Amino acid sequence: MQDTLNGPDSFPADETADGTAEVEAIPGRDLLIVAKFFTPTDAHLARSFLVASGIPAVVADVNHAQADQFLLPAMGGVRVLAPEEYLQQARELLAAREHGDFTLSDDVDVGQPE
């Protein structure tokens, strides 16, 4: 069971009348919201995962969240942003990560230490 306070589904995107998620653009920027997280650490982990996958991503609202965590729910969470052309791929990768597609088993051999 997923912890309801963590993960990209913690702050779901607003849906339009036809049931599709509304994409929220940041004014004056070409970055769009990929996911929102309740903790800055989770947002940074997601951003690092996306960057390691070749998707340029940044984290927004971390300073506000760390300054006053009680405002975080009112702010809508810490946002992970990416350029529009990477939006769908980024969301698919985060969904696969959340599903466990990138989890290694305890028995996996990752090689010899250097």
N, C-alpha and C. Protein backbone atom coordinates (compact mmCIF):
# COMPACT_ATOMS: atom_id res chain seq x y z
N MET A 1 0.84 -1.18 0.00
CA MET A 1 0.00 0.00 0.00
C MET A 1 0.88 1.24 0.00
N GLN A 2 0.58 2.17 -0.85
CA GLN A 2 1.38 3.39 -0.98
C GLN A 2 1.03 4.36 0.15
N ASP A 3 2.05 4.96 0.73
CA ASP A 3 1.87 6.00 1.72
C ASP A 3 1.22 7.19 1.03
N THR A 4 0.08 7.65 1.55
CA THR A 4 -0.66 8.71 0.87
C THR A 4 0.01 10.06 0.97
N LEU A 5 1.06 10.19 1.79
CA LEU A 5 1.72 11.47 1.91
C LEU A 5 2.95 11.58 1.03
N ASN A 6 3.30 10.52 0.31
CA ASN A 6 4.48 10.54 -0.54
C ASN A 6 4.13 10.09 -1.94
N GLY A 7 4.98 10.43 -2.88
CA GLY A 7 4.81 9.98 -4.25
C GLY A 7 4.09 10.98 -5.12
N PRO A 8 4.15 10.75 -6.43
CA PRO A 8 3.57 11.70 -7.36
C PRO A 8 2.05 11.79 -7.26
N ASP A 9 1.39 10.79 -6.68
CA ASP A 9 -0.06 10.84 -6.56
C ASP A 9 -0.52 11.52 -5.28
N SER A 10 0.42 12.00 -4.46
CA SER A 10 0.04 12.67 -3.22
C SER A 10 -0.75 13.93 -3.49
N PHE A 11 -0.39 14.64 -4.53
CA PHE A 11 -1.07 15.86 -4.93
C PHE A 11 -1.50 15.66 -6.38
N PRO A 12 -2.62 14.97 -6.63
CA PRO A 12 -3.00 14.67 -8.00
C PRO A 12 -3.26 15.92 -8.82
N ALA A 13 -3.00 15.79 -10.12
CA ALA A 13 -3.25 16.91 -11.03
C ALA A 13 -4.74 17.16 -11.13
N ASP A 14 -5.09 18.42 -11.35
CA ASP A 14 -6.49 18.75 -11.56
C ASP A 14 -6.96 18.12 -12.85
N GLU A 15 -8.20 17.63 -12.84
CA GLU A 15 -8.74 17.00 -14.04
C GLU A 15 -9.74 17.93 -14.71
N THR A 16 -9.77 17.85 -16.03
CA THR A 16 -10.73 18.64 -16.79
C THR A 16 -12.07 17.90 -16.81
N ALA A 17 -13.07 18.49 -17.42
CA ALA A 17 -14.40 17.90 -17.46
C ALA A 17 -14.40 16.54 -18.16
N ASP A 18 -13.50 16.32 -19.13
CA ASP A 18 -13.49 15.05 -19.84
C ASP A 18 -12.64 13.99 -19.13
N GLY A 19 -12.13 14.30 -17.92
CA GLY A 19 -11.39 13.33 -17.14
C GLY A 19 -9.90 13.27 -17.39
N THR A 20 -9.39 14.09 -18.31
CA THR A 20 -7.96 14.10 -18.58
C THR A 20 -7.28 15.07 -17.63
N ALA A 21 -6.02 14.81 -17.32
CA ALA A 21 -5.28 15.68 -16.40
C ALA A 21 -4.93 16.99 -17.10
N GLU A 22 -5.09 18.05 -16.38
CA GLU A 22 -4.77 19.37 -16.91
C GLU A 22 -3.28 19.62 -16.70
N VAL A 23 -2.58 20.04 -17.73
CA VAL A 23 -1.15 20.33 -17.64
C VAL A 23 -0.99 21.78 -17.24
N GLU A 24 -0.29 21.98 -16.13
CA GLU A 24 -0.12 23.33 -15.60
C GLU A 24 1.24 23.88 -16.03
N ALA A 25 1.22 24.96 -16.78
CA ALA A 25 2.45 25.59 -17.25
C ALA A 25 2.89 26.65 -16.25
N ILE A 26 4.18 26.81 -16.11
CA ILE A 26 4.74 27.84 -15.25
C ILE A 26 4.85 29.11 -16.10
N PRO A 27 4.22 30.21 -15.68
CA PRO A 27 4.26 31.43 -16.48
C PRO A 27 5.69 31.89 -16.76
N GLY A 28 5.97 32.24 -18.03
CA GLY A 28 7.27 32.76 -18.41
C GLY A 28 8.34 31.70 -18.57
N ARG A 29 7.98 30.46 -18.49
CA ARG A 29 8.96 29.37 -18.59
C ARG A 29 8.41 28.28 -19.50
N ASP A 30 9.31 27.44 -20.00
CA ASP A 30 8.85 26.32 -20.82
C ASP A 30 8.84 25.03 -20.01
N LEU A 31 8.85 25.15 -18.68
CA LEU A 31 8.82 23.98 -17.81
C LEU A 31 7.40 23.68 -17.36
N LEU A 32 7.08 22.40 -17.32
CA LEU A 32 5.76 21.96 -16.88
C LEU A 32 5.91 21.03 -15.68
N ILE A 33 4.87 20.94 -14.90
CA ILE A 33 4.90 20.11 -13.70
C ILE A 33 4.79 18.64 -14.08
N VAL A 34 5.78 17.86 -13.68
CA VAL A 34 5.78 16.41 -13.90
C VAL A 34 5.10 15.73 -12.73
N ALA A 35 5.46 16.12 -11.51
CA ALA A 35 4.90 15.50 -10.31
C ALA A 35 5.04 16.46 -9.14
N LYS A 36 4.27 16.18 -8.08
CA LYS A 36 4.35 16.94 -6.85
C LYS A 36 4.57 15.96 -5.70
N PHE A 37 5.39 16.36 -4.74
CA PHE A 37 5.72 15.50 -3.63
C PHE A 37 5.53 16.23 -2.31
N PHE A 38 5.29 15.47 -1.26
CA PHE A 38 5.07 16.06 0.04
C PHE A 38 6.37 16.42 0.74
N THR A 39 7.47 15.75 0.38
CA THR A 39 8.75 16.06 1.01
C THR A 39 9.77 16.47 -0.04
N PRO A 40 10.65 17.42 0.29
CA PRO A 40 11.70 17.81 -0.64
C PRO A 40 12.62 16.64 -1.02
N THR A 41 12.87 15.75 -0.08
CA THR A 41 13.74 14.61 -0.36
C THR A 41 13.16 13.73 -1.47
N ASP A 42 11.87 13.46 -1.41
CA ASP A 42 11.23 12.65 -2.45
C ASP A 42 11.28 13.35 -3.81
N ALA A 43 11.12 14.66 -3.80
CA ALA A 43 11.19 15.42 -5.05
C ALA A 43 12.60 15.36 -5.64
N HIS A 44 13.61 15.49 -4.80
CA HIS A 44 14.99 15.42 -5.29
C HIS A 44 15.34 14.02 -5.80
N LEU A 45 14.82 12.98 -5.15
CA LEU A 45 15.05 11.62 -5.63
C LEU A 45 14.41 11.42 -7.00
N ALA A 46 13.20 11.93 -7.17
CA ALA A 46 12.53 11.81 -8.46
C ALA A 46 13.28 12.59 -9.53
N ARG A 47 13.73 13.80 -9.21
CA ARG A 47 14.49 14.59 -10.17
C ARG A 47 15.78 13.88 -10.56
N SER A 48 16.48 13.33 -9.61
CA SER A 48 17.72 12.62 -9.89
C SER A 48 17.47 11.40 -10.77
N PHE A 49 16.38 10.71 -10.52
CA PHE A 49 16.00 9.56 -11.34
C PHE A 49 15.74 10.00 -12.78
N LEU A 50 15.03 11.10 -12.96
CA LEU A 50 14.74 11.60 -14.30
C LEU A 50 16.01 12.05 -15.01
N VAL A 51 16.87 12.76 -14.31
CA VAL A 51 18.13 13.23 -14.90
C VAL A 51 18.99 12.03 -15.30
N ALA A 52 19.05 11.00 -14.46
CA ALA A 52 19.82 9.80 -14.78
C ALA A 52 19.23 9.08 -15.99
N SER A 53 17.95 9.28 -16.25
CA SER A 53 17.27 8.68 -17.40
C SER A 53 17.37 9.56 -18.64
N GLY A 54 18.06 10.69 -18.55
CA GLY A 54 18.25 11.56 -19.70
C GLY A 54 17.22 12.66 -19.86
N ILE A 55 16.43 12.90 -18.83
CA ILE A 55 15.40 13.93 -18.90
C ILE A 55 15.84 15.12 -18.04
N PRO A 56 15.98 16.30 -18.63
CA PRO A 56 16.34 17.46 -17.82
C PRO A 56 15.17 17.83 -16.90
N ALA A 57 15.45 17.90 -15.61
CA ALA A 57 14.38 18.20 -14.64
C ALA A 57 14.96 19.05 -13.52
N VAL A 58 14.08 19.82 -12.90
CA VAL A 58 14.46 20.66 -11.76
C VAL A 58 13.39 20.52 -10.68
N VAL A 59 13.77 20.92 -9.47
CA VAL A 59 12.84 20.90 -8.34
C VAL A 59 12.52 22.34 -7.98
N ALA A 60 11.25 22.62 -7.74
CA ALA A 60 10.80 23.97 -7.38
C ALA A 60 10.13 23.93 -6.00
N ASP A 61 10.16 25.04 -5.32
CA ASP A 61 9.47 25.25 -4.04
C ASP A 61 10.16 24.60 -2.84
N VAL A 62 11.39 24.14 -2.99
CA VAL A 62 12.07 23.48 -1.88
C VAL A 62 12.34 24.44 -0.74
N ASN A 63 12.78 25.65 -1.04
CA ASN A 63 13.10 26.60 0.02
C ASN A 63 11.87 26.95 0.85
N HIS A 64 10.75 27.14 0.20
CA HIS A 64 9.51 27.42 0.94
C HIS A 64 9.14 26.23 1.82
N ALA A 65 9.26 25.04 1.26
CA ALA A 65 8.88 23.83 2.00
C ALA A 65 9.77 23.63 3.22
N GLN A 66 11.06 23.89 3.07
CA GLN A 66 11.97 23.70 4.20
C GLN A 66 11.84 24.82 5.23
N ALA A 67 11.45 25.99 4.80
CA ALA A 67 11.29 27.11 5.73
C ALA A 67 10.06 26.93 6.62
N ASP A 68 8.99 26.42 6.05
CA ASP A 68 7.76 26.23 6.82
C ASP A 68 6.99 25.04 6.26
N GLN A 69 7.21 23.88 6.84
CA GLN A 69 6.58 22.66 6.33
C GLN A 69 5.07 22.64 6.53
N PHE A 70 4.55 23.48 7.42
CA PHE A 70 3.11 23.53 7.62
C PHE A 70 2.39 24.17 6.43
N LEU A 71 3.12 24.96 5.64
CA LEU A 71 2.53 25.57 4.44
C LEU A 71 2.55 24.64 3.23
N LEU A 72 3.30 23.56 3.33
CA LEU A 72 3.49 22.68 2.18
C LEU A 72 2.18 22.16 1.59
N PRO A 73 1.23 21.67 2.38
CA PRO A 73 -0.04 21.22 1.77
C PRO A 73 -0.79 22.36 1.07
N ALA A 74 -0.74 23.56 1.62
CA ALA A 74 -1.40 24.70 0.99
C ALA A 74 -0.72 25.09 -0.31
N MET A 75 0.61 24.88 -0.38
CA MET A 75 1.36 25.20 -1.60
C MET A 75 1.12 24.16 -2.69
N GLY A 76 0.63 23.01 -2.33
CA GLY A 76 0.42 21.96 -3.32
C GLY A 76 1.61 21.03 -3.45
N GLY A 77 2.56 21.11 -2.54
CA GLY A 77 3.70 20.21 -2.56
C GLY A 77 4.91 20.79 -3.26
N VAL A 78 5.98 20.03 -3.23
CA VAL A 78 7.22 20.39 -3.92
C VAL A 78 7.11 19.87 -5.35
N ARG A 79 7.34 20.73 -6.32
CA ARG A 79 7.13 20.36 -7.72
C ARG A 79 8.43 19.92 -8.40
N VAL A 80 8.30 18.91 -9.25
CA VAL A 80 9.37 18.49 -10.15
C VAL A 80 8.94 18.96 -11.54
N LEU A 81 9.81 19.74 -12.20
CA LEU A 81 9.48 20.35 -13.48
C LEU A 81 10.40 19.83 -14.58
N ALA A 82 9.86 19.75 -15.79
CA ALA A 82 10.64 19.32 -16.96
C ALA A 82 10.11 20.05 -18.19
N PRO A 83 10.93 20.16 -19.26
CA PRO A 83 10.45 20.77 -20.50
C PRO A 83 9.29 19.98 -21.10
N GLU A 84 8.45 20.67 -21.85
CA GLU A 84 7.24 20.07 -22.40
C GLU A 84 7.50 18.83 -23.24
N GLU A 85 8.59 18.84 -24.03
CA GLU A 85 8.86 17.71 -24.91
C GLU A 85 9.23 16.43 -24.15
N TYR A 86 9.56 16.54 -22.86
CA TYR A 86 9.91 15.38 -22.04
C TYR A 86 8.79 15.00 -21.07
N LEU A 87 7.70 15.74 -21.05
CA LEU A 87 6.67 15.59 -20.04
C LEU A 87 6.09 14.18 -19.99
N GLN A 88 5.63 13.66 -21.11
CA GLN A 88 5.00 12.34 -21.13
C GLN A 88 6.00 11.25 -20.73
N GLN A 89 7.20 11.30 -21.26
CA GLN A 89 8.22 10.31 -20.93
C GLN A 89 8.56 10.36 -19.44
N ALA A 90 8.66 11.55 -18.89
CA ALA A 90 8.98 11.71 -17.46
C ALA A 90 7.88 11.11 -16.59
N ARG A 91 6.64 11.37 -16.93
CA ARG A 91 5.52 10.82 -16.15
C ARG A 91 5.47 9.31 -16.25
N GLU A 92 5.74 8.77 -17.43
CA GLU A 92 5.76 7.31 -17.60
C GLU A 92 6.88 6.68 -16.78
N LEU A 93 8.06 7.30 -16.78
CA LEU A 93 9.18 6.78 -16.00
C LEU A 93 8.89 6.82 -14.50
N LEU A 94 8.32 7.91 -14.02
CA LEU A 94 7.99 7.99 -12.59
C LEU A 94 6.91 6.99 -12.21
N ALA A 95 5.95 6.77 -13.09
CA ALA A 95 4.92 5.77 -12.81
C ALA A 95 5.52 4.37 -12.76
N ALA A 96 6.44 4.07 -13.68
CA ALA A 96 7.11 2.77 -13.69
C ALA A 96 7.96 2.61 -12.43
N ARG A 97 8.62 3.66 -12.02
CA ARG A 97 9.43 3.62 -10.79
C ARG A 97 8.55 3.37 -9.58
N GLU A 98 7.42 4.05 -9.52
CA GLU A 98 6.47 3.87 -8.41
C GLU A 98 5.91 2.45 -8.40
N HIS A 99 5.72 1.89 -9.58
CA HIS A 99 5.19 0.53 -9.72
C HIS A 99 6.23 -0.51 -9.31
N GLY A 100 7.51 -0.14 -9.31
CA GLY A 100 8.56 -1.07 -8.92
C GLY A 100 9.32 -1.69 -10.06
N ASP A 101 9.15 -1.15 -11.26
CA ASP A 101 9.82 -1.72 -12.44
C ASP A 101 11.34 -1.59 -12.38
N PHE A 102 11.88 -0.69 -11.57
CA PHE A 102 13.32 -0.48 -11.50
C PHE A 102 13.92 -1.04 -10.21
N THR A 103 13.13 -1.76 -9.45
CA THR A 103 13.60 -2.31 -8.18
C THR A 103 14.47 -3.53 -8.42
N LEU A 104 15.60 -3.59 -7.76
CA LEU A 104 16.49 -4.74 -7.84
C LEU A 104 16.13 -5.72 -6.73
N SER A 105 16.21 -7.01 -7.03
CA SER A 105 15.96 -8.00 -6.00
C SER A 105 17.14 -8.05 -5.04
N ASP A 106 16.94 -8.62 -3.89
CA ASP A 106 18.01 -8.72 -2.90
C ASP A 106 19.13 -9.65 -3.35
N ASP A 107 18.85 -10.52 -4.32
CA ASP A 107 19.82 -11.51 -4.78
C ASP A 107 20.62 -11.06 -6.00
N VAL A 108 20.36 -9.90 -6.53
CA VAL A 108 21.03 -9.46 -7.75
C VAL A 108 22.52 -9.23 -7.50
N ASP A 109 23.33 -9.64 -8.49
CA ASP A 109 24.77 -9.44 -8.41
C ASP A 109 25.09 -8.16 -9.18
N VAL A 110 25.55 -7.15 -8.46
CA VAL A 110 25.84 -5.87 -9.10
C VAL A 110 27.33 -5.73 -9.47
N GLY A 111 28.09 -6.81 -9.35
CA GLY A 111 29.48 -6.78 -9.74
C GLY A 111 30.42 -6.73 -8.56
N GLN A 112 31.68 -6.81 -8.87
CA GLN A 112 32.72 -6.80 -7.85
C GLN A 112 33.04 -5.36 -7.43
N PRO A 113 33.31 -5.15 -6.16
CA PRO A 113 33.72 -3.79 -5.74
C PRO A 113 35.06 -3.43 -6.35
N GLU A 114 35.23 -2.18 -6.65
CA GLU A 114 36.48 -1.72 -7.28
C GLU A 114 37.52 -1.38 -6.25
